[in-house]
C-alpha atoms as a PDB file:
ATOM      1  CA  MET A   1       2.980 -46.516  35.180  1.00  0.00           C
ATOM      2  CA  ASP A   2       5.368 -48.685  37.171  1.00  0.00           C
ATOM      3  CA  SER A   3       7.529 -45.674  38.099  1.00  0.00           C
ATOM      4  CA  ALA A   4       4.460 -43.854  39.459  1.00  0.00           C
ATOM      5  CA  ARG A   5       3.777 -46.767  41.802  1.00  0.00           C
ATOM      6  CA  ARG A   6       7.240 -46.503  43.259  1.00  0.00           C
ATOM      7  CA  MET A   7       7.019 -42.738  43.681  1.00  0.00           C
ATOM      8  CA  PRO A   8       8.101 -41.771  47.214  1.00  0.00           C
ATOM      9  CA  TRP A   9       5.408 -40.359  49.458  1.00  0.00           C
ATOM     10  CA  GLY A  10       7.221 -37.029  49.730  1.00  0.00           C
ATOM     11  CA  VAL A  11       7.157 -36.498  45.976  1.00  0.00           C
ATOM     12  CA  ALA A  12       3.501 -37.542  45.789  1.00  0.00           C
ATOM     13  CA  LEU A  13       2.653 -35.143  48.638  1.00  0.00           C
ATOM     14  CA  PHE A  14       4.491 -32.364  46.828  1.00  0.00           C
ATOM     15  CA  LEU A  15       2.544 -33.032  43.623  1.00  0.00           C
ATOM     16  CA  VAL A  16      -0.747 -32.825  45.531  1.00  0.00           C
ATOM     17  CA  TYR A  17       0.431 -29.569  47.138  1.00  0.00           C
ATOM     18  CA  ALA A  18       1.557 -28.136  43.785  1.00  0.00           C
ATOM     19  CA  LEU A  19      -1.699 -29.052  42.070  1.00  0.00           C
ATOM     20  CA  LEU A  20      -3.702 -27.448  44.893  1.00  0.00           C
ATOM     21  CA  LEU A  21      -1.522 -24.355  44.567  1.00  0.00           C
ATOM     22  CA  LEU A  22      -2.138 -24.380  40.817  1.00  0.00           C
ATOM     23  CA  ALA A  23      -5.891 -24.570  41.442  1.00  0.00           C
ATOM     24  CA  GLY A  24      -5.664 -21.613  43.827  1.00  0.00           C
ATOM     25  CA  ILE A  25      -3.757 -19.600  41.243  1.00  0.00           C
ATOM     26  CA  GLY A  26      -6.377 -20.469  38.650  1.00  0.00           C
ATOM     27  CA  LEU A  27      -9.174 -19.297  40.923  1.00  0.00           C
ATOM     28  CA  SER A  28      -7.409 -15.976  41.506  1.00  0.00           C
ATOM     29  CA  LEU A  29      -6.892 -15.273  37.802  1.00  0.00           C
ATOM     30  CA  GLY A  30     -10.353 -13.747  37.454  1.00  0.00           C
ATOM     31  CA  PHE A  31      -9.434 -10.951  39.837  1.00  0.00           C
ATOM     32  CA  VAL A  32      -6.093 -10.410  38.073  1.00  0.00           C
ATOM     33  CA  VAL A  33      -7.799 -10.177  34.680  1.00  0.00           C
ATOM     34  CA  ASP A  34     -10.346  -7.699  36.090  1.00  0.00           C
ATOM     35  CA  GLN A  35      -7.478  -5.513  37.250  1.00  0.00           C
ATOM     36  CA  ALA A  36      -5.859  -5.740  33.815  1.00  0.00           C
ATOM     37  CA  GLU A  37      -8.858  -3.991  32.279  1.00  0.00           C
ATOM     38  CA  ASN A  38      -7.917  -0.782  34.124  1.00  0.00           C
ATOM     39  CA  VAL A  39      -4.123  -1.104  34.237  1.00  0.00           C
ATOM     40  CA  PRO A  40      -2.359  -3.481  31.832  1.00  0.00           C
ATOM     41  CA  VAL A  41       0.520  -4.330  34.185  1.00  0.00           C
ATOM     42  CA  THR A  42       0.008  -4.591  37.932  1.00  0.00           C
ATOM     43  CA  PRO A  43       2.385  -5.849  40.616  1.00  0.00           C
ATOM     44  CA  LEU A  44      -0.168  -8.478  41.652  1.00  0.00           C
ATOM     45  CA  GLY A  45      -0.484  -9.654  38.057  1.00  0.00           C
ATOM     46  CA  LEU A  46       3.282  -9.984  37.742  1.00  0.00           C
ATOM     47  CA  VAL A  47       3.520 -12.012  40.952  1.00  0.00           C
ATOM     48  CA  VAL A  48       0.638 -14.299  39.991  1.00  0.00           C
ATOM     49  CA  MET A  49       2.036 -14.922  36.497  1.00  0.00           C
ATOM     50  CA  ALA A  50       5.522 -15.626  37.867  1.00  0.00           C
ATOM     51  CA  LEU A  51       4.074 -18.028  40.443  1.00  0.00           C
ATOM     52  CA  LEU A  52       1.988 -19.721  37.756  1.00  0.00           C
ATOM     53  CA  ALA A  53       5.009 -20.220  35.511  1.00  0.00           C
ATOM     54  CA  TYR A  54       7.196 -21.444  38.399  1.00  0.00           C
ATOM     55  CA  THR A  55       4.547 -23.896  39.576  1.00  0.00           C
ATOM     56  CA  ILE A  56       3.904 -25.366  36.133  1.00  0.00           C
ATOM     57  CA  PHE A  57       7.630 -25.637  35.410  1.00  0.00           C
ATOM     58  CA  THR A  58       8.328 -27.323  38.750  1.00  0.00           C
ATOM     59  CA  ILE A  59       5.510 -29.855  38.320  1.00  0.00           C
ATOM     60  CA  THR A  60       6.767 -30.661  34.822  1.00  0.00           C
ATOM     61  CA  VAL A  61      10.357 -31.146  35.944  1.00  0.00           C
ATOM     62  CA  VAL A  62       9.314 -33.307  38.931  1.00  0.00           C
ATOM     63  CA  LEU A  63       7.257 -35.550  36.647  1.00  0.00           C
ATOM     64  CA  GLN A  64      10.336 -35.906  34.433  1.00  0.00           C
ATOM     65  CA  ARG A  65      12.263 -37.049  37.527  1.00  0.00           C
ATOM     66  CA  LYS A  66      15.042 -34.488  37.027  1.00  0.00           C
ATOM     67  CA  ALA A  67      17.544 -34.035  39.848  1.00  0.00           C
ATOM     68  CA  ALA A  68      17.203 -30.241  39.682  1.00  0.00           C
ATOM     69  CA  SER A  69      13.502 -30.524  40.469  1.00  0.00           C
ATOM     70  CA  ARG A  70      14.250 -31.295  44.103  1.00  0.00           C
ATOM     71  CA  SER A  71      15.599 -27.773  44.693  1.00  0.00           C
ATOM     72  CA  LEU A  72      12.737 -26.233  42.724  1.00  0.00           C
ATOM     73  CA  ALA A  73      10.215 -28.266  44.727  1.00  0.00           C
ATOM     74  CA  LEU A  74      11.766 -27.188  48.021  1.00  0.00           C
ATOM     75  CA  GLY A  75      11.552 -23.591  46.836  1.00  0.00           C
ATOM     76  CA  LEU A  76       7.882 -23.962  46.001  1.00  0.00           C
ATOM     77  CA  ALA A  77       7.243 -25.708  49.320  1.00  0.00           C
ATOM     78  CA  THR A  78       8.459 -22.613  51.178  1.00  0.00           C
ATOM     79  CA  LEU A  79       5.195 -20.918  50.198  1.00  0.00           C
ATOM     80  CA  ALA A  80       3.526 -22.923  52.970  1.00  0.00           C
ATOM     81  CA  VAL A  81       5.583 -21.115  55.615  1.00  0.00           C
ATOM     82  CA  PRO A  82       3.976 -17.618  55.324  1.00  0.00           C
ATOM     83  CA  ALA A  83       0.547 -19.221  55.729  1.00  0.00           C
ATOM     84  CA  ILE A  84       1.384 -20.096  59.346  1.00  0.00           C
ATOM     85  CA  PRO A  85       1.667 -16.535  60.754  1.00  0.00           C
ATOM     86  CA  LEU A  86      -1.219 -15.413  58.545  1.00  0.00           C
ATOM     87  CA  ALA A  87      -3.453 -18.054  60.098  1.00  0.00           C
ATOM     88  CA  LEU A  88      -2.338 -16.984  63.562  1.00  0.00           C
ATOM     89  CA  VAL A  89      -3.057 -13.321  62.788  1.00  0.00           C
ATOM     90  CA  TRP A  90      -6.578 -14.279  61.740  1.00  0.00           C
ATOM     91  CA  GLY A  91      -7.002 -16.245  64.978  1.00  0.00           C
ATOM     92  CA  GLN A  92      -7.029 -19.655  63.295  1.00  0.00           C
ATOM     93  CA  VAL A  93      -4.783 -21.647  65.636  1.00  0.00           C
ATOM     94  CA  ILE A  94      -5.971 -25.038  64.381  1.00  0.00           C
ATOM     95  CA  ALA A  95      -5.362 -24.038  60.767  1.00  0.00           C
ATOM     96  CA  ALA A  96      -1.879 -22.805  61.703  1.00  0.00           C
ATOM     97  CA  LEU A  97      -1.120 -26.133  63.364  1.00  0.00           C
ATOM     98  CA  LEU A  98      -2.385 -28.067  60.344  1.00  0.00           C
ATOM     99  CA  VAL A  99      -0.333 -25.979  57.927  1.00  0.00           C
ATOM    100  CA  THR A 100       2.720 -26.374  60.157  1.00  0.00           C
ATOM    101  CA  ALA A 101       2.317 -30.155  60.226  1.00  0.00           C
ATOM    102  CA  PHE A 102       1.790 -30.218  56.461  1.00  0.00           C
ATOM    103  CA  ALA A 103       4.881 -28.061  55.846  1.00  0.00           C
ATOM    104  CA  ILE A 104       7.017 -30.280  58.085  1.00  0.00           C
ATOM    105  CA  LEU A 105       5.815 -33.396  56.260  1.00  0.00           C
ATOM    106  CA  LEU A 106       6.415 -31.750  52.904  1.00  0.00           C
ATOM    107  CA  PHE A 107       9.968 -30.674  53.728  1.00  0.00           C
ATOM    108  CA  ARG A 108      10.800 -33.995  55.367  1.00  0.00           C
ATOM    109  CA  GLY A 109       9.423 -35.936  52.401  1.00  0.00           C
ATOM    110  CA  LEU A 110      11.302 -33.882  49.813  1.00  0.00           C
ATOM    111  CA  ARG A 111      14.572 -34.114  51.745  1.00  0.00           C
ATOM    112  CA  ALA A 112      14.295 -37.876  52.255  1.00  0.00           C
ATOM    113  CA  PRO A 113      16.845 -40.124  50.539  1.00  0.00           C
ATOM    114  CA  ALA A 114      14.012 -41.907  48.716  1.00  0.00           C
ATOM    115  CA  ALA A 115      12.995 -38.658  47.024  1.00  0.00           C
ATOM    116  CA  ALA A 116      16.581 -37.942  46.017  1.00  0.00           C
ATOM    117  CA  ALA A 117      16.914 -41.453  44.625  1.00  0.00           C
ATOM    118  CA  TRP A 118      13.676 -41.147  42.644  1.00  0.00           C
ATOM    119  CA  LEU A 119      14.602 -37.727  41.233  1.00  0.00           C
ATOM    120  CA  ASP A 120      17.800 -39.005  39.646  1.00  0.00           C
ATOM    121  CA  GLN A 121      17.637 -38.009  35.970  1.00  0.00           C
ATOM    122  CA  PRO A 122      20.320 -35.530  34.878  1.00  0.00           C
END
């Protein structure tokens, strides 16, 4: 529990982001399963399952404090970037600004020296 208290804010922010992403994937699984009744393998199903596996693996490796998790976390954080133009296309300027600020904080926190020092296990 002591190591969780010293967790850098960037890693904690990433874990919140990853868990929210995991919740979003879980909410979309109903639609994917409905599609699987008609066609067993769909492109959307493949993407959702790959994203689910990548997200769970990345969360697990970050909690183990592995050095490789930093690159995996940065890769998962890039999913915030496509949300910015999507929000602008839908006319949601405030949402685009919020997502932009969140993405900047997420990238800055994961690239901070404190995050690299905390994710130090080989």
